[in-house]
Amino acid sequence: MSAKRRSVLGAAMAGPLLAQFTGAVSATAVPGTLGTVSEGWVEVRWTEQAQALLDRFQAVVEAVAPAQLVQDAQGRAIRFPVRSGQGDPSAADPPKAHGDGRLDGGVDIRTPDGNVRVTGLAGALQDGLASGKCVVNGVDLGHQAVVRPGLDKGVLKTEHVPLGKPMKVRMTDVPLRPTPELVETFSNTFGDADFSTDTVLAHVTAEGVYTPPKG
């Protein structure tokens, strides 16, 4: 497998890691109109279908600190601390959540042909599509919309606090499905993708303290 193909593999696998409950900032957003996220984390738990895809490439996934690998009765996941985030979790209508954020740590993907390290994860969510950028083996890569988070399927929990005060927000088990663009890119690079736009590649759970914008 060439270096280019390994980089594409790393980008494809990293795609689901870029989705965050904080979401993508609209280009027309007025400064100061979005809340901020602190003390947060994002956990990505991949499905059996995603594990089968990793097995196809004999790939082993490891966390890059301060991210942590989680392994329990439900399977394997990686938990990333949230470095920064801003947006609107849209508690009244989660599918309308939007914002942007950055994660600390990363992921190592080891295959017999070489290793791929993905760091510098930055996620964006807008209009129900997740995109973003990351660093793959030292090379900056940007992504168009690569996954569709099923925010309407997740479970949203918020604290009861006075209006305008910081509150803890938790979104659990949001399914991630690939976009047609990701399926096409993967197929053109590796042949049969073994997954479709209906395939759930991972579930995301995220938690953080949301501070509403002033005013």
N, C-alpha and C. Protein backbone atom coordinates (compact mmCIF):
# COMPACT_ATOMS: atom_id res chain seq x y z
N MET A 1 0.85 -1.19 0.00
CA MET A 1 0.00 0.00 0.00
C MET A 1 0.89 1.24 0.00
N SER A 2 0.65 2.15 -0.93
CA SER A 2 1.49 3.34 -1.06
C SER A 2 1.22 4.31 0.08
N ALA A 3 2.16 5.28 0.24
CA ALA A 3 1.98 6.28 1.29
C ALA A 3 0.70 7.07 1.06
N LYS A 4 0.40 7.35 -0.22
CA LYS A 4 -0.81 8.10 -0.52
C LYS A 4 -2.04 7.32 -0.10
N ARG A 5 -2.05 6.01 -0.43
CA ARG A 5 -3.20 5.19 -0.08
C ARG A 5 -3.33 5.05 1.44
N ARG A 6 -2.19 4.96 2.15
CA ARG A 6 -2.25 4.88 3.60
C ARG A 6 -2.80 6.18 4.18
N SER A 7 -2.43 7.31 3.58
CA SER A 7 -2.94 8.58 4.07
C SER A 7 -4.44 8.67 3.87
N VAL A 8 -4.91 8.21 2.70
CA VAL A 8 -6.34 8.23 2.44
C VAL A 8 -7.07 7.31 3.42
N LEU A 9 -6.47 6.15 3.70
CA LEU A 9 -7.07 5.24 4.67
C LEU A 9 -7.19 5.93 6.02
N GLY A 10 -6.12 6.61 6.43
CA GLY A 10 -6.17 7.30 7.71
C GLY A 10 -7.24 8.37 7.73
N ALA A 11 -7.37 9.10 6.62
CA ALA A 11 -8.39 10.14 6.55
C ALA A 11 -9.79 9.54 6.60
N ALA A 12 -9.99 8.44 5.89
CA ALA A 12 -11.30 7.80 5.87
C ALA A 12 -11.67 7.29 7.25
N MET A 13 -10.70 6.68 7.94
CA MET A 13 -10.99 6.16 9.27
C MET A 13 -11.19 7.30 10.26
N ALA A 14 -10.49 8.42 10.02
CA ALA A 14 -10.58 9.54 10.96
C ALA A 14 -11.87 10.32 10.80
N GLY A 15 -12.53 10.18 9.65
CA GLY A 15 -13.74 10.94 9.40
C GLY A 15 -14.74 10.93 10.53
N PRO A 16 -15.13 9.73 11.02
CA PRO A 16 -16.10 9.70 12.11
C PRO A 16 -15.62 10.38 13.38
N LEU A 17 -14.32 10.52 13.57
CA LEU A 17 -13.81 11.14 14.78
C LEU A 17 -14.05 12.64 14.78
N LEU A 18 -14.38 13.21 13.63
CA LEU A 18 -14.48 14.65 13.52
C LEU A 18 -15.84 15.19 13.94
N ALA A 19 -16.81 14.32 14.15
CA ALA A 19 -18.14 14.78 14.51
C ALA A 19 -18.19 15.12 15.99
N GLN A 20 -18.78 16.26 16.32
CA GLN A 20 -18.90 16.68 17.71
C GLN A 20 -20.29 17.25 17.93
N PHE A 21 -20.75 17.15 19.14
CA PHE A 21 -22.08 17.70 19.41
C PHE A 21 -22.07 19.22 19.33
N THR A 22 -20.91 19.85 19.41
CA THR A 22 -20.85 21.31 19.29
C THR A 22 -21.15 21.75 17.88
N GLY A 23 -20.89 20.95 16.92
CA GLY A 23 -21.21 21.13 15.59
C GLY A 23 -20.25 21.95 14.78
N ALA A 24 -20.94 23.15 13.13
CA ALA A 24 -20.01 24.00 12.40
C ALA A 24 -20.50 25.41 12.46
N VAL A 25 -19.62 26.32 12.57
CA VAL A 25 -20.03 27.71 12.69
C VAL A 25 -20.41 28.26 11.34
N SER A 26 -21.57 28.85 11.25
CA SER A 26 -22.01 29.45 10.01
C SER A 26 -21.13 30.63 9.68
N ALA A 27 -20.84 30.78 8.39
CA ALA A 27 -19.99 31.89 7.95
C ALA A 27 -20.65 33.23 8.25
N THR A 28 -21.99 33.22 8.44
CA THR A 28 -22.70 34.46 8.69
C THR A 28 -22.95 34.69 10.17
N ALA A 29 -22.43 33.80 11.04
CA ALA A 29 -22.66 33.95 12.47
C ALA A 29 -22.04 35.25 12.97
N VAL A 30 -22.80 35.99 13.77
CA VAL A 30 -22.32 37.24 14.33
C VAL A 30 -21.46 36.93 15.54
N PRO A 31 -20.23 37.51 15.63
CA PRO A 31 -19.37 37.25 16.78
C PRO A 31 -20.10 37.52 18.09
N GLY A 32 -19.94 36.61 19.05
CA GLY A 32 -20.57 36.78 20.35
C GLY A 32 -21.96 36.19 20.45
N THR A 33 -22.50 35.65 19.35
CA THR A 33 -23.85 35.10 19.37
C THR A 33 -23.86 33.60 19.66
N LEU A 34 -22.67 32.98 19.75
CA LEU A 34 -22.58 31.55 20.00
C LEU A 34 -22.04 31.29 21.40
N GLY A 35 -22.53 30.23 22.03
CA GLY A 35 -22.03 29.85 23.33
C GLY A 35 -20.72 29.11 23.21
N THR A 36 -20.10 28.81 24.35
CA THR A 36 -18.82 28.11 24.36
C THR A 36 -18.97 26.79 25.11
N VAL A 37 -18.07 25.86 24.82
CA VAL A 37 -18.06 24.55 25.47
C VAL A 37 -16.73 24.39 26.21
N SER A 38 -16.79 23.96 27.45
CA SER A 38 -15.59 23.72 28.25
C SER A 38 -15.78 22.42 29.04
N GLU A 39 -14.66 21.94 29.62
CA GLU A 39 -14.69 20.75 30.46
C GLU A 39 -15.39 19.59 29.75
N GLY A 40 -15.12 19.46 28.46
CA GLY A 40 -15.85 18.47 27.68
C GLY A 40 -15.00 17.32 27.18
N TRP A 41 -15.67 16.29 26.71
CA TRP A 41 -15.02 15.16 26.08
C TRP A 41 -15.95 14.57 25.02
N VAL A 42 -15.35 13.88 24.07
CA VAL A 42 -16.09 13.20 23.00
C VAL A 42 -15.59 11.77 22.94
N GLU A 43 -16.51 10.83 23.00
CA GLU A 43 -16.16 9.42 22.91
C GLU A 43 -16.74 8.82 21.63
N VAL A 44 -15.88 8.20 20.84
CA VAL A 44 -16.28 7.58 19.58
C VAL A 44 -16.16 6.07 19.72
N ARG A 45 -17.29 5.38 19.63
CA ARG A 45 -17.32 3.92 19.76
C ARG A 45 -17.68 3.32 18.41
N TRP A 46 -16.70 2.63 17.79
CA TRP A 46 -16.98 2.13 16.45
C TRP A 46 -17.77 0.82 16.50
N THR A 47 -18.50 0.58 15.41
CA THR A 47 -19.41 -0.55 15.33
C THR A 47 -18.70 -1.80 14.81
N GLU A 48 -19.42 -2.91 14.81
CA GLU A 48 -18.86 -4.15 14.26
C GLU A 48 -18.54 -4.00 12.78
N GLN A 49 -19.36 -3.22 12.07
CA GLN A 49 -19.09 -2.98 10.64
C GLN A 49 -17.78 -2.24 10.45
N ALA A 50 -17.53 -1.24 11.30
CA ALA A 50 -16.28 -0.50 11.21
C ALA A 50 -15.10 -1.39 11.60
N GLN A 51 -15.30 -2.24 12.61
CA GLN A 51 -14.23 -3.15 13.02
C GLN A 51 -13.90 -4.12 11.90
N ALA A 52 -14.92 -4.58 11.17
CA ALA A 52 -14.68 -5.47 10.03
C ALA A 52 -13.86 -4.77 8.96
N LEU A 53 -14.10 -3.47 8.79
CA LEU A 53 -13.33 -2.69 7.82
C LEU A 53 -11.87 -2.58 8.27
N LEU A 54 -11.67 -2.36 9.56
CA LEU A 54 -10.31 -2.32 10.10
C LEU A 54 -9.62 -3.67 9.92
N ASP A 55 -10.36 -4.74 10.19
CA ASP A 55 -9.80 -6.08 10.05
C ASP A 55 -9.39 -6.36 8.60
N ARG A 56 -10.13 -5.79 7.67
CA ARG A 56 -9.81 -5.98 6.24
C ARG A 56 -8.41 -5.50 5.94
N PHE A 57 -7.97 -4.45 6.61
CA PHE A 57 -6.64 -3.90 6.40
C PHE A 57 -5.66 -4.33 7.49
N GLN A 58 -6.10 -5.28 8.32
CA GLN A 58 -5.29 -5.73 9.46
C GLN A 58 -4.84 -4.53 10.28
N ALA A 59 -5.75 -3.62 10.51
CA ALA A 59 -5.43 -2.37 11.19
C ALA A 59 -5.72 -2.48 12.68
N VAL A 60 -4.80 -1.95 13.47
CA VAL A 60 -4.95 -1.89 14.93
C VAL A 60 -5.02 -0.42 15.33
N VAL A 61 -6.03 -0.08 16.12
CA VAL A 61 -6.24 1.31 16.52
C VAL A 61 -5.74 1.54 17.94
N GLU A 62 -4.97 2.61 18.13
CA GLU A 62 -4.50 3.00 19.45
C GLU A 62 -4.72 4.50 19.64
N ALA A 63 -4.87 4.91 20.88
CA ALA A 63 -5.09 6.32 21.18
C ALA A 63 -3.77 7.06 21.33
N VAL A 64 -3.76 8.33 20.92
CA VAL A 64 -2.63 9.22 21.12
C VAL A 64 -2.99 10.15 22.28
N ALA A 65 -2.22 10.11 23.36
CA ALA A 65 -2.51 10.90 24.57
C ALA A 65 -2.64 12.38 24.22
N PRO A 66 -3.54 13.09 24.91
CA PRO A 66 -4.28 12.65 26.09
C PRO A 66 -5.59 11.90 25.79
N ALA A 67 -5.85 11.58 24.54
CA ALA A 67 -7.00 10.71 24.26
C ALA A 67 -6.74 9.35 24.90
N GLN A 68 -7.81 8.62 25.19
CA GLN A 68 -7.69 7.33 25.87
C GLN A 68 -8.50 6.27 25.16
N LEU A 69 -7.93 5.07 25.07
CA LEU A 69 -8.64 3.93 24.51
C LEU A 69 -9.52 3.32 25.60
N VAL A 70 -10.79 3.11 25.27
CA VAL A 70 -11.75 2.53 26.20
C VAL A 70 -12.17 1.17 25.67
N GLN A 71 -12.07 0.15 26.51
CA GLN A 71 -12.49 -1.18 26.11
C GLN A 71 -13.32 -1.79 27.23
N ASP A 72 -14.57 -2.14 26.91
CA ASP A 72 -15.47 -2.71 27.91
C ASP A 72 -16.39 -3.72 27.25
N ALA A 73 -17.45 -4.10 27.95
CA ALA A 73 -18.36 -5.12 27.44
C ALA A 73 -19.07 -4.67 26.17
N GLN A 74 -19.14 -3.36 25.94
CA GLN A 74 -19.84 -2.84 24.76
C GLN A 74 -18.92 -2.73 23.54
N GLY A 75 -17.64 -2.99 23.72
CA GLY A 75 -16.72 -2.89 22.59
C GLY A 75 -15.58 -1.94 22.88
N ARG A 76 -15.07 -1.30 21.81
CA ARG A 76 -13.92 -0.41 21.94
C ARG A 76 -14.30 1.00 21.50
N ALA A 77 -13.65 1.96 22.14
CA ALA A 77 -13.91 3.36 21.83
C ALA A 77 -12.67 4.17 22.15
N ILE A 78 -12.64 5.41 21.66
CA ILE A 78 -11.60 6.36 22.03
C ILE A 78 -12.27 7.61 22.56
N ARG A 79 -11.78 8.07 23.73
CA ARG A 79 -12.34 9.29 24.33
C ARG A 79 -11.32 10.42 24.18
N PHE A 80 -11.78 11.53 23.61
CA PHE A 80 -10.94 12.70 23.35
C PHE A 80 -11.38 13.86 24.24
N PRO A 81 -10.45 14.53 24.92
CA PRO A 81 -10.79 15.78 25.59
C PRO A 81 -11.10 16.86 24.56
N VAL A 82 -12.05 17.71 24.88
CA VAL A 82 -12.37 18.85 24.00
C VAL A 82 -11.46 20.01 24.37
N ARG A 83 -10.67 20.47 23.41
CA ARG A 83 -9.78 21.60 23.66
C ARG A 83 -10.57 22.90 23.66
N SER A 84 -11.46 23.06 22.71
CA SER A 84 -12.27 24.27 22.62
C SER A 84 -13.50 23.97 21.78
N GLY A 85 -14.53 24.76 21.98
CA GLY A 85 -15.74 24.58 21.19
C GLY A 85 -16.65 25.78 21.33
N GLN A 86 -17.41 26.06 20.29
CA GLN A 86 -18.41 27.11 20.34
C GLN A 86 -19.56 26.71 19.44
N GLY A 87 -20.74 27.20 19.77
CA GLY A 87 -21.89 26.86 18.95
C GLY A 87 -23.18 26.92 19.73
N ASP A 88 -24.16 26.19 19.26
CA ASP A 88 -25.48 26.13 19.88
C ASP A 88 -25.92 24.68 19.87
N PRO A 89 -26.04 24.01 21.05
CA PRO A 89 -26.46 22.62 21.07
C PRO A 89 -27.92 22.42 20.71
N SER A 90 -28.68 23.52 20.61
CA SER A 90 -30.08 23.47 20.20
C SER A 90 -30.85 22.42 21.01
N ALA A 91 -30.92 22.65 22.33
CA ALA A 91 -31.55 21.69 23.22
C ALA A 91 -33.00 21.41 22.84
N ALA A 92 -33.69 22.41 22.31
CA ALA A 92 -35.09 22.23 21.94
C ALA A 92 -35.26 21.44 20.65
N ASP A 93 -34.24 21.44 19.81
CA ASP A 93 -34.31 20.75 18.52
C ASP A 93 -32.90 20.31 18.12
N PRO A 94 -32.39 19.19 18.69
CA PRO A 94 -31.01 18.76 18.48
C PRO A 94 -30.54 18.70 17.02
N PRO A 95 -31.38 18.28 16.05
CA PRO A 95 -30.89 18.24 14.66
C PRO A 95 -30.42 19.60 14.14
N LYS A 96 -30.79 20.69 14.82
CA LYS A 96 -30.37 22.01 14.39
C LYS A 96 -29.09 22.47 15.10
N ALA A 97 -28.47 21.59 15.88
CA ALA A 97 -27.22 21.95 16.56
C ALA A 97 -26.17 22.38 15.55
N HIS A 98 -25.39 23.38 15.91
CA HIS A 98 -24.32 23.84 15.03
C HIS A 98 -23.23 24.47 15.88
N GLY A 99 -22.02 24.52 15.36
CA GLY A 99 -20.88 25.08 16.07
C GLY A 99 -19.60 24.47 15.54
N ASP A 100 -18.49 24.67 16.23
CA ASP A 100 -17.26 24.01 15.83
C ASP A 100 -16.44 23.73 17.08
N GLY A 101 -15.44 22.88 16.96
CA GLY A 101 -14.63 22.53 18.10
C GLY A 101 -13.37 21.79 17.71
N ARG A 102 -12.46 21.70 18.68
CA ARG A 102 -11.19 21.01 18.47
C ARG A 102 -11.00 19.98 19.58
N LEU A 103 -10.39 18.85 19.21
CA LEU A 103 -10.14 17.78 20.17
C LEU A 103 -8.65 17.65 20.44
N ASP A 104 -8.31 17.27 21.67
CA ASP A 104 -6.92 16.98 22.01
C ASP A 104 -6.63 15.50 21.77
N GLY A 105 -5.35 15.20 21.55
CA GLY A 105 -4.96 13.82 21.31
C GLY A 105 -5.20 13.41 19.87
N GLY A 106 -5.25 12.12 19.65
CA GLY A 106 -5.43 11.63 18.29
C GLY A 106 -5.55 10.12 18.29
N VAL A 107 -5.27 9.53 17.13
CA VAL A 107 -5.40 8.09 16.98
C VAL A 107 -4.28 7.58 16.09
N ASP A 108 -3.71 6.44 16.46
CA ASP A 108 -2.73 5.74 15.64
C ASP A 108 -3.42 4.54 15.00
N ILE A 109 -3.22 4.38 13.69
CA ILE A 109 -3.75 3.23 12.97
C ILE A 109 -2.55 2.47 12.41
N ARG A 110 -2.29 1.28 12.96
CA ARG A 110 -1.14 0.48 12.55
C ARG A 110 -1.59 -0.64 11.63
N THR A 111 -0.94 -0.75 10.47
CA THR A 111 -1.21 -1.82 9.52
C THR A 111 0.12 -2.47 9.15
N PRO A 112 0.09 -3.66 8.53
CA PRO A 112 1.33 -4.29 8.10
C PRO A 112 2.13 -3.44 7.13
N ASP A 113 1.46 -2.50 6.44
CA ASP A 113 2.14 -1.67 5.46
C ASP A 113 2.69 -0.37 6.03
N GLY A 114 2.38 -0.08 7.28
CA GLY A 114 2.86 1.16 7.87
C GLY A 114 1.88 1.70 8.89
N ASN A 115 2.27 2.79 9.52
CA ASN A 115 1.44 3.41 10.55
C ASN A 115 0.89 4.74 10.07
N VAL A 116 -0.32 5.05 10.52
CA VAL A 116 -0.94 6.34 10.23
C VAL A 116 -1.30 6.99 11.55
N ARG A 117 -0.78 8.19 11.79
CA ARG A 117 -1.11 8.94 13.01
C ARG A 117 -1.99 10.13 12.64
N VAL A 118 -3.14 10.20 13.26
CA VAL A 118 -4.10 11.27 12.99
C VAL A 118 -4.24 12.13 14.24
N THR A 119 -3.89 13.41 14.14
CA THR A 119 -3.98 14.34 15.25
C THR A 119 -4.59 15.65 14.75
N GLY A 120 -4.61 16.66 15.62
CA GLY A 120 -5.13 17.96 15.20
C GLY A 120 -6.57 17.89 14.73
N LEU A 121 -7.40 17.10 15.42
CA LEU A 121 -8.78 16.89 15.00
C LEU A 121 -9.63 18.14 15.26
N ALA A 122 -10.25 18.63 14.21
CA ALA A 122 -11.16 19.76 14.31
C ALA A 122 -12.46 19.40 13.63
N GLY A 123 -13.57 19.50 14.35
CA GLY A 123 -14.84 19.07 13.81
C GLY A 123 -15.76 20.23 13.49
N ALA A 124 -16.67 20.00 12.55
CA ALA A 124 -17.63 21.01 12.16
C ALA A 124 -18.95 20.32 11.84
N LEU A 125 -20.04 20.90 12.29
CA LEU A 125 -21.37 20.35 12.04
C LEU A 125 -22.31 21.46 11.62
N GLN A 126 -22.89 21.29 10.45
CA GLN A 126 -23.81 22.29 9.94
C GLN A 126 -24.78 21.60 9.00
N ASP A 127 -26.05 21.93 9.16
CA ASP A 127 -27.09 21.35 8.30
C ASP A 127 -27.07 19.83 8.33
N GLY A 128 -26.72 19.26 9.49
CA GLY A 128 -26.77 17.83 9.65
C GLY A 128 -25.60 17.07 9.06
N LEU A 129 -24.56 17.76 8.61
CA LEU A 129 -23.40 17.11 8.02
C LEU A 129 -22.14 17.50 8.78
N ALA A 130 -21.25 16.52 9.00
CA ALA A 130 -20.01 16.77 9.73
C ALA A 130 -18.84 16.81 8.77
N SER A 131 -18.00 17.80 8.93
CA SER A 131 -16.77 17.93 8.14
C SER A 131 -15.69 18.40 9.08
N GLY A 132 -14.52 18.73 8.54
CA GLY A 132 -13.47 19.22 9.42
C GLY A 132 -12.09 19.05 8.82
N LYS A 133 -11.09 18.96 9.68
CA LYS A 133 -9.72 18.81 9.22
C LYS A 133 -8.93 18.06 10.28
N CYS A 134 -7.78 17.53 9.88
CA CYS A 134 -6.90 16.83 10.81
C CYS A 134 -5.50 16.81 10.20
N VAL A 135 -4.56 16.30 10.96
CA VAL A 135 -3.18 16.15 10.50
C VAL A 135 -2.89 14.66 10.42
N VAL A 136 -2.54 14.17 9.22
CA VAL A 136 -2.25 12.76 9.00
C VAL A 136 -0.77 12.62 8.69
N ASN A 137 -0.04 11.97 9.61
CA ASN A 137 1.41 11.80 9.44
C ASN A 137 2.10 13.12 9.11
N GLY A 138 1.68 14.17 9.83
CA GLY A 138 2.32 15.47 9.67
C GLY A 138 1.80 16.32 8.53
N VAL A 139 0.83 15.81 7.77
CA VAL A 139 0.29 16.54 6.62
C VAL A 139 -1.12 17.01 6.95
N ASP A 140 -1.38 18.32 6.78
CA ASP A 140 -2.71 18.87 7.02
C ASP A 140 -3.68 18.39 5.95
N LEU A 141 -4.80 17.85 6.40
CA LEU A 141 -5.82 17.41 5.47
C LEU A 141 -7.15 18.02 5.87
N GLY A 142 -7.89 18.51 4.87
CA GLY A 142 -9.22 19.03 5.11
C GLY A 142 -10.25 18.04 4.58
N HIS A 143 -11.43 18.07 5.14
CA HIS A 143 -12.49 17.16 4.72
C HIS A 143 -13.73 17.95 4.35
N GLN A 144 -14.38 17.50 3.28
CA GLN A 144 -15.74 17.96 3.04
C GLN A 144 -16.63 17.14 3.96
N ALA A 145 -17.93 17.23 3.77
CA ALA A 145 -18.84 16.48 4.63
C ALA A 145 -18.60 14.99 4.44
N VAL A 146 -18.15 14.30 5.49
CA VAL A 146 -17.82 12.89 5.38
C VAL A 146 -18.77 11.99 6.16
N VAL A 147 -19.44 12.52 7.17
CA VAL A 147 -20.39 11.71 7.92
C VAL A 147 -21.65 12.51 8.22
N ARG A 148 -22.74 11.78 8.44
CA ARG A 148 -24.01 12.37 8.81
C ARG A 148 -24.36 11.91 10.23
N PRO A 149 -24.23 12.80 11.20
CA PRO A 149 -24.60 12.42 12.57
C PRO A 149 -26.13 12.37 12.70
N GLY A 150 -26.63 11.28 13.25
CA GLY A 150 -28.07 11.17 13.49
C GLY A 150 -28.45 11.81 14.81
N LEU A 151 -28.40 13.13 14.86
CA LEU A 151 -28.66 13.84 16.11
C LEU A 151 -30.07 13.59 16.63
N ASP A 152 -31.00 13.30 15.73
CA ASP A 152 -32.37 13.02 16.15
C ASP A 152 -32.49 11.67 16.85
N LYS A 153 -31.46 10.81 16.69
CA LYS A 153 -31.47 9.49 17.32
C LYS A 153 -30.73 9.48 18.66
N GLY A 154 -29.95 10.51 18.93
CA GLY A 154 -29.21 10.57 20.17
C GLY A 154 -30.10 10.96 21.34
N VAL A 155 -29.60 10.73 22.55
CA VAL A 155 -30.33 11.09 23.76
C VAL A 155 -29.67 12.32 24.37
N LEU A 156 -30.41 13.42 24.44
CA LEU A 156 -29.88 14.68 24.95
C LEU A 156 -30.33 14.89 26.39
N LYS A 157 -29.37 15.17 27.28
CA LYS A 157 -29.67 15.48 28.67
C LYS A 157 -29.01 16.80 29.03
N THR A 158 -29.76 17.67 29.71
CA THR A 158 -29.23 18.95 30.14
C THR A 158 -29.59 19.20 31.60
N GLU A 159 -28.77 20.03 32.25
CA GLU A 159 -29.07 20.42 33.62
C GLU A 159 -30.16 21.47 33.63
N HIS A 160 -30.90 21.50 34.74
CA HIS A 160 -31.88 22.57 34.93
C HIS A 160 -31.18 23.70 35.67
N VAL A 161 -30.90 24.77 34.96
CA VAL A 161 -30.22 25.92 35.54
C VAL A 161 -30.98 27.18 35.16
N PRO A 162 -30.75 28.28 35.88
CA PRO A 162 -31.38 29.55 35.52
C PRO A 162 -31.00 29.96 34.09
N LEU A 163 -31.91 30.63 33.44
CA LEU A 163 -31.70 31.06 32.07
C LEU A 163 -30.41 31.87 31.95
N GLY A 164 -29.57 31.50 30.98
CA GLY A 164 -28.33 32.22 30.72
C GLY A 164 -27.13 31.72 31.50
N LYS A 165 -27.34 30.75 32.41
CA LYS A 165 -26.25 30.23 33.21
C LYS A 165 -25.62 29.00 32.53
N PRO A 166 -24.33 28.72 32.83
CA PRO A 166 -23.70 27.53 32.26
C PRO A 166 -24.45 26.26 32.68
N MET A 167 -24.53 25.31 31.78
CA MET A 167 -25.19 24.06 32.10
C MET A 167 -24.45 22.89 31.46
N LYS A 168 -24.49 21.75 32.15
CA LYS A 168 -23.86 20.55 31.61
C LYS A 168 -24.78 19.94 30.56
N VAL A 169 -24.21 19.62 29.41
CA VAL A 169 -24.96 19.03 28.30
C VAL A 169 -24.33 17.69 27.95
N ARG A 170 -25.14 16.67 27.76
CA ARG A 170 -24.65 15.35 27.38
C ARG A 170 -25.51 14.80 26.25
N MET A 171 -24.87 14.41 25.17
CA MET A 171 -25.54 13.78 24.04
C MET A 171 -24.99 12.36 23.91
N THR A 172 -25.86 11.37 23.94
CA THR A 172 -25.44 9.97 24.00
C THR A 172 -25.87 9.20 22.75
N ASP A 173 -24.96 8.34 22.29
CA ASP A 173 -25.26 7.36 21.24
C ASP A 173 -25.79 7.99 19.95
N VAL A 174 -25.06 8.97 19.45
CA VAL A 174 -25.41 9.56 18.15
C VAL A 174 -24.79 8.69 17.04
N PRO A 175 -25.60 8.10 16.16
CA PRO A 175 -25.03 7.26 15.11
C PRO A 175 -24.39 8.10 14.01
N LEU A 176 -23.28 7.60 13.46
CA LEU A 176 -22.59 8.28 12.37
C LEU A 176 -22.67 7.41 11.13
N ARG A 177 -23.16 7.98 10.03
CA ARG A 177 -23.24 7.29 8.76
C ARG A 177 -22.42 8.04 7.72
N PRO A 178 -21.77 7.34 6.78
CA PRO A 178 -20.95 8.02 5.78
C PRO A 178 -21.79 8.75 4.74
N THR A 179 -21.23 9.82 4.22
CA THR A 179 -21.87 10.53 3.11
C THR A 179 -21.54 9.82 1.80
N PRO A 180 -22.30 10.11 0.73
CA PRO A 180 -21.96 9.53 -0.58
C PRO A 180 -20.54 9.86 -1.01
N GLU A 181 -20.04 11.05 -0.64
CA GLU A 181 -18.69 11.45 -1.02
C GLU A 181 -17.64 10.54 -0.39
N LEU A 182 -17.85 10.16 0.89
CA LEU A 182 -16.90 9.28 1.55
C LEU A 182 -16.94 7.89 0.94
N VAL A 183 -18.14 7.37 0.67
CA VAL A 183 -18.26 6.05 0.05
C VAL A 183 -17.57 6.03 -1.31
N GLU A 184 -17.78 7.09 -2.11
CA GLU A 184 -17.18 7.15 -3.45
C GLU A 184 -15.66 7.24 -3.36
N THR A 185 -15.15 8.09 -2.45
CA THR A 185 -13.70 8.24 -2.32
C THR A 185 -13.06 6.92 -1.89
N PHE A 186 -13.68 6.25 -0.94
CA PHE A 186 -13.14 4.98 -0.46
C PHE A 186 -13.15 3.94 -1.58
N SER A 187 -14.26 3.86 -2.32
CA SER A 187 -14.38 2.88 -3.40
C SER A 187 -13.36 3.13 -4.50
N ASN A 188 -13.15 4.40 -4.84
CA ASN A 188 -12.18 4.73 -5.90
C ASN A 188 -10.75 4.41 -5.49
N THR A 189 -10.49 4.43 -4.19
CA THR A 189 -9.13 4.19 -3.70
C THR A 189 -8.86 2.72 -3.42
N PHE A 190 -9.84 2.05 -2.82
CA PHE A 190 -9.61 0.69 -2.34
C PHE A 190 -10.47 -0.38 -3.01
N GLY A 191 -11.37 0.03 -3.90
CA GLY A 191 -12.29 -0.94 -4.48
C GLY A 191 -13.58 -0.97 -3.68
N ASP A 192 -14.18 -2.15 -3.57
CA ASP A 192 -15.45 -2.28 -2.87
C ASP A 192 -15.35 -1.70 -1.46
N ALA A 193 -16.26 -0.79 -1.15
CA ALA A 193 -16.20 -0.11 0.14
C ALA A 193 -16.71 -0.99 1.28
N ASP A 194 -17.53 -1.98 0.98
CA ASP A 194 -18.12 -2.85 2.01
C ASP A 194 -19.01 -2.09 2.98
N PHE A 195 -19.38 -0.86 2.63
CA PHE A 195 -20.34 -0.12 3.43
C PHE A 195 -21.06 0.87 2.53
N SER A 196 -22.20 1.36 2.99
CA SER A 196 -23.02 2.27 2.21
C SER A 196 -23.40 3.46 3.07
N THR A 197 -24.18 4.35 2.50
CA THR A 197 -24.61 5.54 3.25
C THR A 197 -25.57 5.18 4.37
N ASP A 198 -26.07 3.95 4.38
CA ASP A 198 -26.96 3.51 5.46
C ASP A 198 -26.20 2.82 6.60
N THR A 199 -24.90 2.60 6.42
CA THR A 199 -24.10 1.89 7.42
C THR A 199 -23.74 2.81 8.59
N VAL A 200 -23.99 2.35 9.80
CA VAL A 200 -23.57 3.09 10.98
C VAL A 200 -22.13 2.68 11.29
N LEU A 201 -21.20 3.62 11.15
CA LEU A 201 -19.79 3.33 11.39
C LEU A 201 -19.39 3.48 12.85
N ALA A 202 -20.08 4.33 13.56
CA ALA A 202 -19.72 4.58 14.96
C ALA A 202 -20.88 5.25 15.67
N HIS A 203 -20.80 5.27 17.00
CA HIS A 203 -21.72 6.05 17.82
C HIS A 203 -20.89 7.03 18.65
N VAL A 204 -21.38 8.24 18.76
CA VAL A 204 -20.67 9.28 19.49
C VAL A 204 -21.45 9.67 20.74
N THR A 205 -20.73 9.76 21.84
CA THR A 205 -21.28 10.33 23.06
C THR A 205 -20.39 11.51 23.46
N ALA A 206 -21.00 12.62 23.80
CA ALA A 206 -20.22 13.82 24.13
C ALA A 206 -20.83 14.52 25.33
N GLU A 207 -19.96 15.14 26.11
CA GLU A 207 -20.41 15.85 27.29
C GLU A 207 -19.56 17.10 27.48
N GLY A 208 -20.16 18.14 28.00
CA GLY A 208 -19.41 19.35 28.28
C GLY A 208 -20.28 20.38 28.98
N VAL A 209 -19.65 21.44 29.44
CA VAL A 209 -20.36 22.55 30.06
C VAL A 209 -20.57 23.62 29.01
N TYR A 210 -21.85 23.90 28.73
CA TYR A 210 -22.20 24.90 27.71
C TYR A 210 -22.53 26.23 28.40
N THR A 211 -21.78 27.26 28.02
CA THR A 211 -22.01 28.59 28.53
C THR A 211 -22.66 29.43 27.44
N PRO A 212 -23.91 29.83 27.63
CA PRO A 212 -24.61 30.60 26.59
C PRO A 212 -23.93 31.93 26.33
N PRO A 213 -24.15 32.50 25.15
CA PRO A 213 -23.57 33.81 24.85
C PRO A 213 -24.20 34.87 25.74
N LYS A 214 -23.44 35.90 26.06
CA LYS A 214 -23.96 36.97 26.90
C LYS A 214 -24.95 37.81 26.10
N GLY A 215 -25.97 38.22 26.79
CA GLY A 215 -26.98 39.06 26.13
C GLY A 215 -27.97 38.19 25.43
